[in-house]
Amino acid sequence: MPPVETFVLGGLLFVLIVITGVFGKLWLQSRNSYPTQEAQLTLSNIHHISEVAS
């Protein structure tokens, strides 16, 4: 495998891990500090905002 492809795949994997870690941390924080319903509302608001933005 050429080095360029290795770097691209490694970069994508790294980005995925970072995103998963950040969202996992946020999800754990919201789950600990808010009731489940409020956390779900927050998630649906974020989803709605991202749909509007795109």
PDB file of N, CA and C in Angstrom:
ATOM      1  N   MET A   1       0.850  -1.203   0.000  1.00  0.00           N
ATOM      2  CA  MET A   1       0.000   0.000   0.000  1.00  0.00           C
ATOM      3  C   MET A   1       0.884   1.251   0.000  1.00  0.00           C
ATOM      4  N   PRO A   2       0.614   2.199  -0.870  1.00  0.00           N
ATOM      5  CA  PRO A   2       1.432   3.429  -0.919  1.00  0.00           C
ATOM      6  C   PRO A   2       1.312   4.230   0.377  1.00  0.00           C
ATOM      7  N   PRO A   3       2.364   4.955   0.730  1.00  0.00           N
ATOM      8  CA  PRO A   3       2.334   5.746   1.978  1.00  0.00           C
ATOM      9  C   PRO A   3       1.177   6.735   2.019  1.00  0.00           C
ATOM     10  N   VAL A   4       0.820   7.343   0.869  1.00  0.00           N
ATOM     11  CA  VAL A   4      -0.245   8.352   0.857  1.00  0.00           C
ATOM     12  C   VAL A   4      -1.560   7.736   1.317  1.00  0.00           C
ATOM     13  N   GLU A   5      -1.889   6.561   0.801  1.00  0.00           N
ATOM     14  CA  GLU A   5      -3.138   5.904   1.207  1.00  0.00           C
ATOM     15  C   GLU A   5      -3.117   5.563   2.690  1.00  0.00           C
ATOM     16  N   THR A   6      -1.948   5.141   3.175  1.00  0.00           N
ATOM     17  CA  THR A   6      -1.821   4.820   4.597  1.00  0.00           C
ATOM     18  C   THR A   6      -2.104   6.051   5.447  1.00  0.00           C
ATOM     19  N   PHE A   7      -1.552   7.199   5.040  1.00  0.00           N
ATOM     20  CA  PHE A   7      -1.785   8.445   5.784  1.00  0.00           C
ATOM     21  C   PHE A   7      -3.259   8.843   5.743  1.00  0.00           C
ATOM     22  N   VAL A   8      -3.888   8.707   4.586  1.00  0.00           N
ATOM     23  CA  VAL A   8      -5.298   9.073   4.444  1.00  0.00           C
ATOM     24  C   VAL A   8      -6.163   8.184   5.331  1.00  0.00           C
ATOM     25  N   LEU A   9      -5.933   6.869   5.269  1.00  0.00           N
ATOM     26  CA  LEU A   9      -6.715   5.941   6.087  1.00  0.00           C
ATOM     27  C   LEU A   9      -6.467   6.190   7.571  1.00  0.00           C
ATOM     28  N   GLY A  10      -5.208   6.413   7.935  1.00  0.00           N
ATOM     29  CA  GLY A  10      -4.879   6.703   9.328  1.00  0.00           C
ATOM     30  C   GLY A  10      -5.544   7.984   9.804  1.00  0.00           C
ATOM     31  N   GLY A  11      -5.546   8.998   8.933  1.00  0.00           N
ATOM     32  CA  GLY A  11      -6.178  10.269   9.283  1.00  0.00           C
ATOM     33  C   GLY A  11      -7.674  10.129   9.481  1.00  0.00           C
ATOM     34  N   LEU A  12      -8.319   9.388   8.576  1.00  0.00           N
ATOM     35  CA  LEU A  12      -9.764   9.168   8.699  1.00  0.00           C
ATOM     36  C   LEU A  12     -10.088   8.417   9.984  1.00  0.00           C
ATOM     37  N   LEU A  13      -9.288   7.395  10.284  1.00  0.00           N
ATOM     38  CA  LEU A  13      -9.501   6.610  11.494  1.00  0.00           C
ATOM     39  C   LEU A  13      -9.338   7.486  12.731  1.00  0.00           C
ATOM     40  N   PHE A  14      -8.297   8.328  12.720  1.00  0.00           N
ATOM     41  CA  PHE A  14      -8.046   9.230  13.842  1.00  0.00           C
ATOM     42  C   PHE A  14      -9.217  10.187  14.046  1.00  0.00           C
ATOM     43  N   VAL A  15      -9.710  10.774  12.945  1.00  0.00           N
ATOM     44  CA  VAL A  15     -10.844  11.702  13.019  1.00  0.00           C
ATOM     45  C   VAL A  15     -12.075  10.997  13.574  1.00  0.00           C
ATOM     46  N   LEU A  16     -12.332   9.779  13.099  1.00  0.00           N
ATOM     47  CA  LEU A  16     -13.481   9.016  13.594  1.00  0.00           C
ATOM     48  C   LEU A  16     -13.364   8.765  15.091  1.00  0.00           C
ATOM     49  N   ILE A  17     -12.161   8.400  15.549  1.00  0.00           N
ATOM     50  CA  ILE A  17     -11.953   8.126  16.975  1.00  0.00           C
ATOM     51  C   ILE A  17     -12.177   9.390  17.798  1.00  0.00           C
ATOM     52  N   VAL A  18     -11.654  10.522  17.309  1.00  0.00           N
ATOM     53  CA  VAL A  18     -11.816  11.790  18.033  1.00  0.00           C
ATOM     54  C   VAL A  18     -13.291  12.172  18.121  1.00  0.00           C
ATOM     55  N   ILE A  19     -14.003  12.088  16.982  1.00  0.00           N
ATOM     56  CA  ILE A  19     -15.424  12.442  16.959  1.00  0.00           C
ATOM     57  C   ILE A  19     -16.213  11.536  17.903  1.00  0.00           C
ATOM     58  N   THR A  20     -15.920  10.225  17.839  1.00  0.00           N
ATOM     59  CA  THR A  20     -16.610   9.276  18.715  1.00  0.00           C
ATOM     60  C   THR A  20     -16.335   9.603  20.178  1.00  0.00           C
ATOM     61  N   GLY A  21     -15.082   9.939  20.490  1.00  0.00           N
ATOM     62  CA  GLY A  21     -14.718  10.270  21.859  1.00  0.00           C
ATOM     63  C   GLY A  21     -15.429  11.520  22.352  1.00  0.00           C
ATOM     64  N   VAL A  22     -15.466  12.551  21.507  1.00  0.00           N
ATOM     65  CA  VAL A  22     -16.106  13.815  21.898  1.00  0.00           C
ATOM     66  C   VAL A  22     -17.603  13.615  22.115  1.00  0.00           C
ATOM     67  N   PHE A  23     -18.262  12.952  21.139  1.00  0.00           N
ATOM     68  CA  PHE A  23     -19.701  12.733  21.282  1.00  0.00           C
ATOM     69  C   PHE A  23     -20.009  11.808  22.455  1.00  0.00           C
ATOM     70  N   GLY A  24     -19.166  10.795  22.662  1.00  0.00           N
ATOM     71  CA  GLY A  24     -19.348   9.894  23.797  1.00  0.00           C
ATOM     72  C   GLY A  24     -19.248  10.639  25.118  1.00  0.00           C
ATOM     73  N   LYS A  25     -18.270  11.543  25.217  1.00  0.00           N
ATOM     74  CA  LYS A  25     -18.084  12.319  26.435  1.00  0.00           C
ATOM     75  C   LYS A  25     -19.276  13.240  26.671  1.00  0.00           C
ATOM     76  N   LEU A  26     -19.706  13.941  25.613  1.00  0.00           N
ATOM     77  CA  LEU A  26     -20.866  14.830  25.721  1.00  0.00           C
ATOM     78  C   LEU A  26     -22.110  14.049  26.117  1.00  0.00           C
ATOM     79  N   TRP A  27     -22.273  12.846  25.507  1.00  0.00           N
ATOM     80  CA  TRP A  27     -23.450  12.028  25.796  1.00  0.00           C
ATOM     81  C   TRP A  27     -23.437  11.583  27.250  1.00  0.00           C
ATOM     82  N   LEU A  28     -22.272  11.189  27.754  1.00  0.00           N
ATOM     83  CA  LEU A  28     -22.170  10.769  29.148  1.00  0.00           C
ATOM     84  C   LEU A  28     -22.463  11.932  30.088  1.00  0.00           C
ATOM     85  N   GLN A  29     -21.929  13.120  29.760  1.00  0.00           N
ATOM     86  CA  GLN A  29     -22.167  14.294  30.606  1.00  0.00           C
ATOM     87  C   GLN A  29     -23.652  14.642  30.636  1.00  0.00           C
ATOM     88  N   SER A  30     -24.291  14.662  29.463  1.00  0.00           N
ATOM     89  CA  SER A  30     -25.705  15.022  29.397  1.00  0.00           C
ATOM     90  C   SER A  30     -26.552  13.958  30.086  1.00  0.00           C
ATOM     91  N   ARG A  31     -26.125  12.683  29.977  1.00  0.00           N
ATOM     92  CA  ARG A  31     -26.879  11.607  30.613  1.00  0.00           C
ATOM     93  C   ARG A  31     -26.779  11.719  32.129  1.00  0.00           C
ATOM     94  N   ASN A  32     -25.624  12.174  32.625  1.00  0.00           N
ATOM     95  CA  ASN A  32     -25.424  12.269  34.066  1.00  0.00           C
ATOM     96  C   ASN A  32     -26.110  13.494  34.663  1.00  0.00           C
ATOM     97  N   SER A  33     -26.164  14.600  33.923  1.00  0.00           N
ATOM     98  CA  SER A  33     -26.627  15.854  34.515  1.00  0.00           C
ATOM     99  C   SER A  33     -28.064  16.205  34.150  1.00  0.00           C
ATOM    100  N   TYR A  34     -28.633  15.568  33.113  1.00  0.00           N
ATOM    101  CA  TYR A  34     -30.005  15.864  32.714  1.00  0.00           C
ATOM    102  C   TYR A  34     -30.839  14.592  32.739  1.00  0.00           C
ATOM    103  N   PRO A  35     -32.158  14.747  32.872  1.00  0.00           N
ATOM    104  CA  PRO A  35     -33.041  13.601  32.648  1.00  0.00           C
ATOM    105  C   PRO A  35     -32.924  13.128  31.204  1.00  0.00           C
ATOM    106  N   THR A  36     -33.277  11.868  30.969  1.00  0.00           N
ATOM    107  CA  THR A  36     -33.125  11.272  29.641  1.00  0.00           C
ATOM    108  C   THR A  36     -33.898  12.056  28.594  1.00  0.00           C
ATOM    109  N   GLN A  37     -35.110  12.489  28.923  1.00  0.00           N
ATOM    110  CA  GLN A  37     -35.952  13.184  27.949  1.00  0.00           C
ATOM    111  C   GLN A  37     -35.286  14.482  27.492  1.00  0.00           C
ATOM    112  N   GLU A  38     -34.709  15.218  28.430  1.00  0.00           N
ATOM    113  CA  GLU A  38     -34.069  16.486  28.086  1.00  0.00           C
ATOM    114  C   GLU A  38     -32.850  16.249  27.199  1.00  0.00           C
ATOM    115  N   ALA A  39     -32.094  15.188  27.497  1.00  0.00           N
ATOM    116  CA  ALA A  39     -30.937  14.853  26.667  1.00  0.00           C
ATOM    117  C   ALA A  39     -31.378  14.511  25.250  1.00  0.00           C
ATOM    118  N   GLN A  40     -32.489  13.789  25.123  1.00  0.00           N
ATOM    119  CA  GLN A  40     -32.993  13.431  23.800  1.00  0.00           C
ATOM    120  C   GLN A  40     -33.458  14.674  23.047  1.00  0.00           C
ATOM    121  N   LEU A  41     -34.079  15.623  23.749  1.00  0.00           N
ATOM    122  CA  LEU A  41     -34.495  16.877  23.124  1.00  0.00           C
ATOM    123  C   LEU A  41     -33.283  17.639  22.602  1.00  0.00           C
ATOM    124  N   THR A  42     -32.214  17.681  23.411  1.00  0.00           N
ATOM    125  CA  THR A  42     -30.994  18.365  22.991  1.00  0.00           C
ATOM    126  C   THR A  42     -30.433  17.724  21.736  1.00  0.00           C
ATOM    127  N   LEU A  43     -30.398  16.391  21.701  1.00  0.00           N
ATOM    128  CA  LEU A  43     -29.873  15.675  20.537  1.00  0.00           C
ATOM    129  C   LEU A  43     -30.721  15.952  19.301  1.00  0.00           C
ATOM    130  N   SER A  44     -32.048  15.987  19.455  1.00  0.00           N
ATOM    131  CA  SER A  44     -32.912  16.237  18.301  1.00  0.00           C
ATOM    132  C   SER A  44     -32.761  17.681  17.822  1.00  0.00           C
ATOM    133  N   ASN A  45     -32.527  18.614  18.755  1.00  0.00           N
ATOM    134  CA  ASN A  45     -32.277  20.004  18.361  1.00  0.00           C
ATOM    135  C   ASN A  45     -30.993  20.114  17.555  1.00  0.00           C
ATOM    136  N   ILE A  46     -29.929  19.442  18.004  1.00  0.00           N
ATOM    137  CA  ILE A  46     -28.653  19.454  17.285  1.00  0.00           C
ATOM    138  C   ILE A  46     -28.848  18.863  15.898  1.00  0.00           C
ATOM    139  N   HIS A  47     -29.601  17.770  15.805  1.00  0.00           N
ATOM    140  CA  HIS A  47     -29.860  17.121  14.519  1.00  0.00           C
ATOM    141  C   HIS A  47     -30.618  18.074  13.600  1.00  0.00           C
ATOM    142  N   HIS A  48     -31.609  18.771  14.155  1.00  0.00           N
ATOM    143  CA  HIS A  48     -32.407  19.717  13.365  1.00  0.00           C
ATOM    144  C   HIS A  48     -31.535  20.866  12.862  1.00  0.00           C
ATOM    145  N   ILE A  49     -30.696  21.409  13.736  1.00  0.00           N
ATOM    146  CA  ILE A  49     -29.810  22.519  13.366  1.00  0.00           C
ATOM    147  C   ILE A  49     -28.856  22.083  12.264  1.00  0.00           C
ATOM    148  N   SER A  50     -28.308  20.864  12.375  1.00  0.00           N
ATOM    149  CA  SER A  50     -27.368  20.396  11.354  1.00  0.00           C
ATOM    150  C   SER A  50     -28.080  20.179  10.022  1.00  0.00           C
ATOM    151  N   GLU A  51     -29.356  19.785  10.066  1.00  0.00           N
ATOM    152  CA  GLU A  51     -30.120  19.623   8.825  1.00  0.00           C
ATOM    153  C   GLU A  51     -30.356  20.982   8.171  1.00  0.00           C
ATOM    154  N   VAL A  52     -30.695  21.984   8.970  1.00  0.00           N
ATOM    155  CA  VAL A  52     -30.942  23.327   8.446  1.00  0.00           C
ATOM    156  C   VAL A  52     -29.657  23.909   7.860  1.00  0.00           C
ATOM    157  N   ALA A  53     -28.540  23.661   8.528  1.00  0.00           N
ATOM    158  CA  ALA A  53     -27.258  24.224   8.090  1.00  0.00           C
ATOM    159  C   ALA A  53     -26.803  23.634   6.765  1.00  0.00           C
ATOM    160  N   SER A  54     -27.117  22.374   6.530  1.00  0.00           N
ATOM    161  CA  SER A  54     -26.608  21.717   5.319  1.00  0.00           C
ATOM    162  C   SER A  54     -27.444  22.048   4.084  1.00  0.00           C
TER     163      SER A  54
END
